[in-house]
Every structure is written in structure tokens, then in C-alpha cells.
Amino acid sequence: AKPTRWNATQVSIAQAQPGDIVLWNFSHVNFVYTNNAGKLTFVGGNQTPSSGKNNNPSDGDVTISWPSGWTTNRGGIAGIWRPSKA
């Protein structure tokens, strides 16, 4: 189902703000945590907090991804969606 089904609106990476939903090309979902002049960080669940091989741990970790800031040259984002406030 497309995010528009839930009245979500697609926004550009430049417009991303905390709480926006990030859909990744590799079938993963995060929320935007910060956007500092185009450097984004994300928060999500079931992610390992280290660079271990298991990116989907069973202990339910919630971690911040790209703590130094993700930029567009890293790629990988399929789209960013802002949930309806209604």
C-alpha cells in the first residue's frame, strides 16, 4: 500500500523534519530524528547499535542511525513521508 493511503505526503530530503517516515531502498523504515542543514539522523527499532553483522537483533534495540549525519551522497532513501496531522 502506498503511504498516501494514510494521508501521508511525500516531502523532499531538504524538507525532512523530525517524525517524518523514511522508506529505504533496502526495505527498511526509520523516522527522521534531526535535520541539521541537510545532515539527517534517524531513529528506528530492531537495529544493532554497533557495526555488528546482525542488523535485526531480537532484543528490540532502538538506535540512532548516522549519528554524524547522513547526506544525499550516501543515497539509499526511496522516499520521505510526512504523516497527516489530522
PDB file of N, CA and C in Angstrom:
ATOM      1  N   ALA A   1       0.841  -1.186   0.000  1.00  0.00           N
ATOM      2  CA  ALA A   1       0.000   0.000   0.000  1.00  0.00           C
ATOM      3  C   ALA A   1       0.880   1.241   0.000  1.00  0.00           C
ATOM      4  N   LYS A   2       0.453   2.240  -0.697  1.00  0.00           N
ATOM      5  CA  LYS A   2       1.201   3.490  -0.768  1.00  0.00           C
ATOM      6  C   LYS A   2       0.928   4.336   0.481  1.00  0.00           C
ATOM      7  N   PRO A   3       1.931   5.118   0.922  1.00  0.00           N
ATOM      8  CA  PRO A   3       1.725   5.973   2.097  1.00  0.00           C
ATOM      9  C   PRO A   3       0.577   6.960   1.934  1.00  0.00           C
ATOM     10  N   THR A   4       0.221   7.323   0.709  1.00  0.00           N
ATOM     11  CA  THR A   4      -0.889   8.255   0.521  1.00  0.00           C
ATOM     12  C   THR A   4      -2.194   7.660   1.023  1.00  0.00           C
ATOM     13  N   ARG A   5      -2.246   6.347   1.128  1.00  0.00           N
ATOM     14  CA  ARG A   5      -3.433   5.680   1.659  1.00  0.00           C
ATOM     15  C   ARG A   5      -3.751   6.165   3.070  1.00  0.00           C
ATOM     16  N   TRP A   6      -2.731   6.566   3.803  1.00  0.00           N
ATOM     17  CA  TRP A   6      -2.903   7.056   5.174  1.00  0.00           C
ATOM     18  C   TRP A   6      -2.753   8.572   5.240  1.00  0.00           C
ATOM     19  N   ASN A   7      -3.009   9.242   4.119  1.00  0.00           N
ATOM     20  CA  ASN A   7      -2.923  10.701   4.032  1.00  0.00           C
ATOM     21  C   ASN A   7      -1.542  11.238   4.365  1.00  0.00           C
ATOM     22  N   ALA A   8      -0.497  10.455   4.085  1.00  0.00           N
ATOM     23  CA  ALA A   8       0.870  10.927   4.237  1.00  0.00           C
ATOM     24  C   ALA A   8       1.267  11.655   2.955  1.00  0.00           C
ATOM     25  N   THR A   9       2.075  12.687   3.102  1.00  0.00           N
ATOM     26  CA  THR A   9       2.526  13.483   1.974  1.00  0.00           C
ATOM     27  C   THR A   9       4.019  13.301   1.791  1.00  0.00           C
ATOM     28  N   GLN A  10       4.439  13.060   0.564  1.00  0.00           N
ATOM     29  CA  GLN A  10       5.872  12.919   0.307  1.00  0.00           C
ATOM     30  C   GLN A  10       6.527  14.294   0.393  1.00  0.00           C
ATOM     31  N   VAL A  11       7.685  14.349   1.053  1.00  0.00           N
ATOM     32  CA  VAL A  11       8.450  15.593   1.174  1.00  0.00           C
ATOM     33  C   VAL A  11       9.867  15.339   0.674  1.00  0.00           C
ATOM     34  N   SER A  12      10.539  16.409   0.303  1.00  0.00           N
ATOM     35  CA  SER A  12      11.923  16.285  -0.174  1.00  0.00           C
ATOM     36  C   SER A  12      12.861  16.054   1.012  1.00  0.00           C
ATOM     37  N   ILE A  13      14.048  15.594   0.712  1.00  0.00           N
ATOM     38  CA  ILE A  13      15.054  15.401   1.758  1.00  0.00           C
ATOM     39  C   ILE A  13      15.345  16.730   2.447  1.00  0.00           C
ATOM     40  N   ALA A  14      15.391  17.801   1.689  1.00  0.00           N
ATOM     41  CA  ALA A  14      15.664  19.125   2.266  1.00  0.00           C
ATOM     42  C   ALA A  14      14.571  19.554   3.243  1.00  0.00           C
ATOM     43  N   GLN A  15      13.335  19.095   3.020  1.00  0.00           N
ATOM     44  CA  GLN A  15      12.216  19.473   3.889  1.00  0.00           C
ATOM     45  C   GLN A  15      12.015  18.511   5.057  1.00  0.00           C
ATOM     46  N   ALA A  16      12.800  17.460   5.141  1.00  0.00           N
ATOM     47  CA  ALA A  16      12.612  16.447   6.183  1.00  0.00           C
ATOM     48  C   ALA A  16      12.710  17.072   7.565  1.00  0.00           C
ATOM     49  N   GLN A  17      11.803  16.614   8.433  1.00  0.00           N
ATOM     50  CA  GLN A  17      11.803  17.099   9.808  1.00  0.00           C
ATOM     51  C   GLN A  17      11.538  15.935  10.750  1.00  0.00           C
ATOM     52  N   PRO A  18      11.866  16.113  12.044  1.00  0.00           N
ATOM     53  CA  PRO A  18      11.656  15.030  13.000  1.00  0.00           C
ATOM     54  C   PRO A  18      10.229  14.477  12.935  1.00  0.00           C
ATOM     55  N   GLY A  19      10.141  13.149  12.917  1.00  0.00           N
ATOM     56  CA  GLY A  19       8.859  12.464  12.858  1.00  0.00           C
ATOM     57  C   GLY A  19       8.471  12.003  11.473  1.00  0.00           C
ATOM     58  N   ASP A  20       9.123  12.538  10.433  1.00  0.00           N
ATOM     59  CA  ASP A  20       8.842  12.071   9.074  1.00  0.00           C
ATOM     60  C   ASP A  20       9.300  10.628   8.927  1.00  0.00           C
ATOM     61  N   ILE A  21       8.612   9.887   8.096  1.00  0.00           N
ATOM     62  CA  ILE A  21       8.888   8.468   7.876  1.00  0.00           C
ATOM     63  C   ILE A  21       9.822   8.320   6.680  1.00  0.00           C
ATOM     64  N   VAL A  22      10.908   7.597   6.857  1.00  0.00           N
ATOM     65  CA  VAL A  22      11.885   7.382   5.795  1.00  0.00           C
ATOM     66  C   VAL A  22      11.763   5.946   5.293  1.00  0.00           C
ATOM     67  N   LEU A  23      11.527   5.807   4.004  1.00  0.00           N
ATOM     68  CA  LEU A  23      11.498   4.492   3.361  1.00  0.00           C
ATOM     69  C   LEU A  23      12.818   4.322   2.626  1.00  0.00           C
ATOM     70  N   TRP A  24      13.543   3.258   2.966  1.00  0.00           N
ATOM     71  CA  TRP A  24      14.849   2.998   2.369  1.00  0.00           C
ATOM     72  C   TRP A  24      14.717   2.020   1.203  1.00  0.00           C
ATOM     73  N   ASN A  25      15.656   2.086   0.287  1.00  0.00           N
ATOM     74  CA  ASN A  25      15.681   1.187  -0.874  1.00  0.00           C
ATOM     75  C   ASN A  25      15.844  -0.272  -0.475  1.00  0.00           C
ATOM     76  N   PHE A  26      16.352  -0.540   0.704  1.00  0.00           N
ATOM     77  CA  PHE A  26      16.607  -1.912   1.136  1.00  0.00           C
ATOM     78  C   PHE A  26      15.534  -2.417   2.105  1.00  0.00           C
ATOM     79  N   SER A  27      14.301  -1.944   1.916  1.00  0.00           N
ATOM     80  CA  SER A  27      13.130  -2.411   2.677  1.00  0.00           C
ATOM     81  C   SER A  27      13.257  -2.186   4.178  1.00  0.00           C
ATOM     82  N   HIS A  28      13.672  -1.002   4.555  1.00  0.00           N
ATOM     83  CA  HIS A  28      13.780  -0.643   5.962  1.00  0.00           C
ATOM     84  C   HIS A  28      13.053   0.682   6.164  1.00  0.00           C
ATOM     85  N   VAL A  29      12.587   0.918   7.361  1.00  0.00           N
ATOM     86  CA  VAL A  29      11.867   2.145   7.694  1.00  0.00           C
ATOM     87  C   VAL A  29      12.504   2.756   8.936  1.00  0.00           C
ATOM     88  N   ASN A  30      12.687   4.070   8.909  1.00  0.00           N
ATOM     89  CA  ASN A  30      13.153   4.844  10.058  1.00  0.00           C
ATOM     90  C   ASN A  30      12.280   6.081  10.185  1.00  0.00           C
ATOM     91  N   PHE A  31      12.473   6.793  11.270  1.00  0.00           N
ATOM     92  CA  PHE A  31      11.901   8.120  11.427  1.00  0.00           C
ATOM     93  C   PHE A  31      13.049   9.123  11.400  1.00  0.00           C
ATOM     94  N   VAL A  32      12.805  10.299  10.814  1.00  0.00           N
ATOM     95  CA  VAL A  32      13.797  11.371  10.885  1.00  0.00           C
ATOM     96  C   VAL A  32      13.887  11.799  12.346  1.00  0.00           C
ATOM     97  N   TYR A  33      15.102  11.895  12.847  1.00  0.00           N
ATOM     98  CA  TYR A  33      15.345  12.323  14.217  1.00  0.00           C
ATOM     99  C   TYR A  33      15.784  13.788  14.242  1.00  0.00           C
ATOM    100  N   THR A  34      16.743  14.131  13.366  1.00  0.00           N
ATOM    101  CA  THR A  34      17.184  15.520  13.237  1.00  0.00           C
ATOM    102  C   THR A  34      17.489  15.826  11.774  1.00  0.00           C
ATOM    103  N   ASN A  35      17.407  17.096  11.422  1.00  0.00           N
ATOM    104  CA  ASN A  35      17.859  17.593  10.125  1.00  0.00           C
ATOM    105  C   ASN A  35      18.625  18.869  10.410  1.00  0.00           C
ATOM    106  N   ASN A  36      19.929  18.768  10.357  1.00  0.00           N
ATOM    107  CA  ASN A  36      20.802  19.894  10.663  1.00  0.00           C
ATOM    108  C   ASN A  36      21.483  20.337   9.373  1.00  0.00           C
ATOM    109  N   ALA A  37      20.865  21.281   8.682  1.00  0.00           N
ATOM    110  CA  ALA A  37      21.415  21.827   7.430  1.00  0.00           C
ATOM    111  C   ALA A  37      21.692  20.723   6.410  1.00  0.00           C
ATOM    112  N   GLY A  38      20.748  19.797   6.273  1.00  0.00           N
ATOM    113  CA  GLY A  38      20.888  18.740   5.271  1.00  0.00           C
ATOM    114  C   GLY A  38      21.600  17.493   5.749  1.00  0.00           C
ATOM    115  N   LYS A  39      22.078  17.477   6.978  1.00  0.00           N
ATOM    116  CA  LYS A  39      22.659  16.272   7.577  1.00  0.00           C
ATOM    117  C   LYS A  39      21.585  15.664   8.468  1.00  0.00           C
ATOM    118  N   LEU A  40      21.102  14.489   8.070  1.00  0.00           N
ATOM    119  CA  LEU A  40      19.997  13.858   8.786  1.00  0.00           C
ATOM    120  C   LEU A  40      20.482  12.740   9.695  1.00  0.00           C
ATOM    121  N   THR A  41      19.780  12.581  10.809  1.00  0.00           N
ATOM    122  CA  THR A  41      19.924  11.389  11.647  1.00  0.00           C
ATOM    123  C   THR A  41      18.545  10.752  11.711  1.00  0.00           C
ATOM    124  N   PHE A  42      18.529   9.455  12.020  1.00  0.00           N
ATOM    125  CA  PHE A  42      17.287   8.692  12.007  1.00  0.00           C
ATOM    126  C   PHE A  42      17.196   7.866  13.269  1.00  0.00           C
ATOM    127  N   VAL A  43      15.994   7.523  13.655  1.00  0.00           N
ATOM    128  CA  VAL A  43      15.785   6.638  14.788  1.00  0.00           C
ATOM    129  C   VAL A  43      14.897   5.494  14.305  1.00  0.00           C
ATOM    130  N   GLY A  44      15.210   4.305  14.789  1.00  0.00           N
ATOM    131  CA  GLY A  44      14.436   3.140  14.382  1.00  0.00           C
ATOM    132  C   GLY A  44      14.641   1.994  15.342  1.00  0.00           C
ATOM    133  N   GLY A  45      13.791   1.003  15.211  1.00  0.00           N
ATOM    134  CA  GLY A  45      13.855  -0.154  16.085  1.00  0.00           C
ATOM    135  C   GLY A  45      14.459  -1.364  15.405  1.00  0.00           C
ATOM    136  N   ASN A  46      14.786  -2.345  16.216  1.00  0.00           N
ATOM    137  CA  ASN A  46      15.380  -3.600  15.756  1.00  0.00           C
ATOM    138  C   ASN A  46      16.617  -3.371  14.911  1.00  0.00           C
ATOM    139  N   GLN A  47      17.460  -2.482  15.378  1.00  0.00           N
ATOM    140  CA  GLN A  47      18.729  -2.194  14.726  1.00  0.00           C
ATOM    141  C   GLN A  47      19.824  -2.400  15.757  1.00  0.00           C
ATOM    142  N   THR A  48      20.901  -2.966  15.324  1.00  0.00           N
ATOM    143  CA  THR A  48      22.013  -3.134  16.244  1.00  0.00           C
ATOM    144  C   THR A  48      22.732  -1.794  16.424  1.00  0.00           C
ATOM    145  N   PRO A  49      23.090  -1.423  17.652  1.00  0.00           N
ATOM    146  CA  PRO A  49      23.743  -0.137  17.884  1.00  0.00           C
ATOM    147  C   PRO A  49      25.212  -0.116  17.478  1.00  0.00           C
ATOM    148  N   SER A  50      25.760  -1.226  17.077  1.00  0.00           N
ATOM    149  CA  SER A  50      27.160  -1.270  16.665  1.00  0.00           C
ATOM    150  C   SER A  50      27.231  -1.733  15.216  1.00  0.00           C
ATOM    151  N   SER A  51      28.412  -1.915  14.733  1.00  0.00           N
ATOM    152  CA  SER A  51      28.583  -2.340  13.344  1.00  0.00           C
ATOM    153  C   SER A  51      28.612  -3.866  13.229  1.00  0.00           C
ATOM    154  N   GLY A  52      27.911  -4.538  14.119  1.00  0.00           N
ATOM    155  CA  GLY A  52      27.856  -5.999  14.074  1.00  0.00           C
ATOM    156  C   GLY A  52      27.143  -6.495  12.828  1.00  0.00           C
ATOM    157  N   LYS A  53      27.200  -7.796  12.596  1.00  0.00           N
ATOM    158  CA  LYS A  53      26.609  -8.372  11.388  1.00  0.00           C
ATOM    159  C   LYS A  53      25.093  -8.465  11.458  1.00  0.00           C
ATOM    160  N   ASN A  54      24.518  -8.508  12.649  1.00  0.00           N
ATOM    161  CA  ASN A  54      23.074  -8.682  12.800  1.00  0.00           C
ATOM    162  C   ASN A  54      22.391  -7.326  12.867  1.00  0.00           C
ATOM    163  N   ASN A  55      21.788  -6.874  11.751  1.00  0.00           N
ATOM    164  CA  ASN A  55      21.118  -5.581  11.735  1.00  0.00           C
ATOM    165  C   ASN A  55      19.680  -5.680  12.234  1.00  0.00           C
ATOM    166  N   ASN A  56      19.209  -6.852  12.571  1.00  0.00           N
ATOM    167  CA  ASN A  56      17.852  -7.025  13.095  1.00  0.00           C
ATOM    168  C   ASN A  56      17.889  -7.865  14.368  1.00  0.00           C
ATOM    169  N   PRO A  57      18.451  -7.300  15.439  1.00  0.00           N
ATOM    170  CA  PRO A  57      18.569  -8.087  16.674  1.00  0.00           C
ATOM    171  C   PRO A  57      17.202  -8.367  17.279  1.00  0.00           C
ATOM    172  N   SER A  58      17.121  -9.431  18.039  1.00  0.00           N
ATOM    173  CA  SER A  58      15.846  -9.819  18.639  1.00  0.00           C
ATOM    174  C   SER A  58      15.589  -9.116  19.974  1.00  0.00           C
ATOM    175  N   ASP A  59      16.528  -8.295  20.425  1.00  0.00           N
ATOM    176  CA  ASP A  59      16.340  -7.656  21.728  1.00  0.00           C
ATOM    177  C   ASP A  59      15.593  -6.327  21.631  1.00  0.00           C
ATOM    178  N   GLY A  60      15.205  -5.891  20.423  1.00  0.00           N
ATOM    179  CA  GLY A  60      14.375  -4.704  20.269  1.00  0.00           C
ATOM    180  C   GLY A  60      15.086  -3.388  20.479  1.00  0.00           C
ATOM    181  N   ASP A  61      16.388  -3.318  20.231  1.00  0.00           N
ATOM    182  CA  ASP A  61      17.110  -2.060  20.371  1.00  0.00           C
ATOM    183  C   ASP A  61      16.470  -0.961  19.522  1.00  0.00           C
ATOM    184  N   VAL A  62      16.434   0.233  20.056  1.00  0.00           N
ATOM    185  CA  VAL A  62      16.069   1.424  19.294  1.00  0.00           C
ATOM    186  C   VAL A  62      17.326   2.282  19.268  1.00  0.00           C
ATOM    187  N   THR A  63      17.779   2.612  18.068  1.00  0.00           N
ATOM    188  CA  THR A  63      19.050   3.310  17.947  1.00  0.00           C
ATOM    189  C   THR A  63      18.936   4.508  17.012  1.00  0.00           C
ATOM    190  N   ILE A  64      19.939   5.365  17.076  1.00  0.00           N
ATOM    191  CA  ILE A  64      20.062   6.489  16.162  1.00  0.00           C
ATOM    192  C   ILE A  64      21.013   6.067  15.045  1.00  0.00           C
ATOM    193  N   SER A  65      20.539   6.194  13.792  1.00  0.00           N
ATOM    194  CA  SER A  65      21.362   5.854  12.638  1.00  0.00           C
ATOM    195  C   SER A  65      22.024   7.113  12.097  1.00  0.00           C
ATOM    196  N   TRP A  66      23.233   6.952  11.596  1.00  0.00           N
ATOM    197  CA  TRP A  66      24.031   8.038  11.037  1.00  0.00           C
ATOM    198  C   TRP A  66      24.190   9.172  12.051  1.00  0.00           C
ATOM    199  N   PRO A  67      24.702   8.890  13.257  1.00  0.00           N
ATOM    200  CA  PRO A  67      24.811   9.947  14.273  1.00  0.00           C
ATOM    201  C   PRO A  67      25.678  11.129  13.837  1.00  0.00           C
ATOM    202  N   SER A  68      26.595  10.920  12.884  1.00  0.00           N
ATOM    203  CA  SER A  68      27.408  12.042  12.397  1.00  0.00           C
ATOM    204  C   SER A  68      26.707  12.799  11.272  1.00  0.00           C
ATOM    205  N   GLY A  69      25.557  12.278  10.817  1.00  0.00           N
ATOM    206  CA  GLY A  69      24.772  12.957   9.797  1.00  0.00           C
ATOM    207  C   GLY A  69      24.820  12.281   8.441  1.00  0.00           C
ATOM    208  N   TRP A  70      23.674  11.823   7.969  1.00  0.00           N
ATOM    209  CA  TRP A  70      23.533  11.251   6.634  1.00  0.00           C
ATOM    210  C   TRP A  70      23.390  12.395   5.652  1.00  0.00           C
ATOM    211  N   THR A  71      24.025  12.285   4.480  1.00  0.00           N
ATOM    212  CA  THR A  71      23.888  13.287   3.427  1.00  0.00           C
ATOM    213  C   THR A  71      23.472  12.593   2.135  1.00  0.00           C
ATOM    214  N   THR A  72      22.942  13.358   1.202  1.00  0.00           N
ATOM    215  CA  THR A  72      22.384  12.786  -0.023  1.00  0.00           C
ATOM    216  C   THR A  72      23.392  11.972  -0.832  1.00  0.00           C
ATOM    217  N   ASN A  73      24.676  12.269  -0.728  1.00  0.00           N
ATOM    218  CA  ASN A  73      25.659  11.493  -1.489  1.00  0.00           C
ATOM    219  C   ASN A  73      25.754  10.046  -1.009  1.00  0.00           C
ATOM    220  N   ARG A  74      25.216   9.731   0.143  1.00  0.00           N
ATOM    221  CA  ARG A  74      25.207   8.350   0.636  1.00  0.00           C
ATOM    222  C   ARG A  74      24.101   7.534  -0.023  1.00  0.00           C
ATOM    223  N   GLY A  75      23.049   8.209  -0.505  1.00  0.00           N
ATOM    224  CA  GLY A  75      21.958   7.530  -1.202  1.00  0.00           C
ATOM    225  C   GLY A  75      21.177   6.584  -0.308  1.00  0.00           C
ATOM    226  N   GLY A  76      20.317   5.802  -0.947  1.00  0.00           N
ATOM    227  CA  GLY A  76      19.585   4.758  -0.246  1.00  0.00           C
ATOM    228  C   GLY A  76      18.159   5.080   0.149  1.00  0.00           C
ATOM    229  N   ILE A  77      17.766   6.345   0.107  1.00  0.00           N
ATOM    230  CA  ILE A  77      16.406   6.699   0.505  1.00  0.00           C
ATOM    231  C   ILE A  77      15.473   6.597  -0.694  1.00  0.00           C
ATOM    232  N   ALA A  78      14.396   5.835  -0.522  1.00  0.00           N
ATOM    233  CA  ALA A  78      13.385   5.702  -1.571  1.00  0.00           C
ATOM    234  C   ALA A  78      12.380   6.849  -1.497  1.00  0.00           C
ATOM    235  N   GLY A  79      12.139   7.367  -0.309  1.00  0.00           N
ATOM    236  CA  GLY A  79      11.207   8.477  -0.141  1.00  0.00           C
ATOM    237  C   GLY A  79      11.049   8.840   1.314  1.00  0.00           C
ATOM    238  N   ILE A  80      10.613  10.068   1.546  1.00  0.00           N
ATOM    239  CA  ILE A  80      10.332  10.545   2.901  1.00  0.00           C
ATOM    240  C   ILE A  80       8.884  11.020   2.898  1.00  0.00           C
ATOM    241  N   TRP A  81       8.147  10.600   3.924  1.00  0.00           N
ATOM    242  CA  TRP A  81       6.710  10.866   4.002  1.00  0.00           C
ATOM    243  C   TRP A  81       6.364  11.511   5.325  1.00  0.00           C
ATOM    244  N   ARG A  82       5.505  12.520   5.279  1.00  0.00           N
ATOM    245  CA  ARG A  82       5.042  13.204   6.485  1.00  0.00           C
ATOM    246  C   ARG A  82       3.619  12.759   6.785  1.00  0.00           C
ATOM    247  N   PRO A  83       3.406  12.165   7.961  1.00  0.00           N
ATOM    248  CA  PRO A  83       2.060  11.736   8.329  1.00  0.00           C
ATOM    249  C   PRO A  83       1.114  12.927   8.447  1.00  0.00           C
ATOM    250  N   SER A  84      -0.144  12.666   8.189  1.00  0.00           N
ATOM    251  CA  SER A  84      -1.172  13.697   8.332  1.00  0.00           C
ATOM    252  C   SER A  84      -1.331  14.054   9.790  1.00  0.00           C
ATOM    253  N   LYS A  85      -1.579  15.318  10.074  1.00  0.00           N
ATOM    254  CA  LYS A  85      -1.784  15.765  11.447  1.00  0.00           C
ATOM    255  C   LYS A  85      -3.229  15.635  11.879  1.00  0.00           C
ATOM    256  N   ALA A  86      -4.069  15.155  10.986  1.00  0.00           N
ATOM    257  CA  ALA A  86      -5.489  15.039  11.300  1.00  0.00           C
ATOM    258  C   ALA A  86      -5.760  13.888  12.245  1.00  0.00           C
TER     259      ALA A  86
END
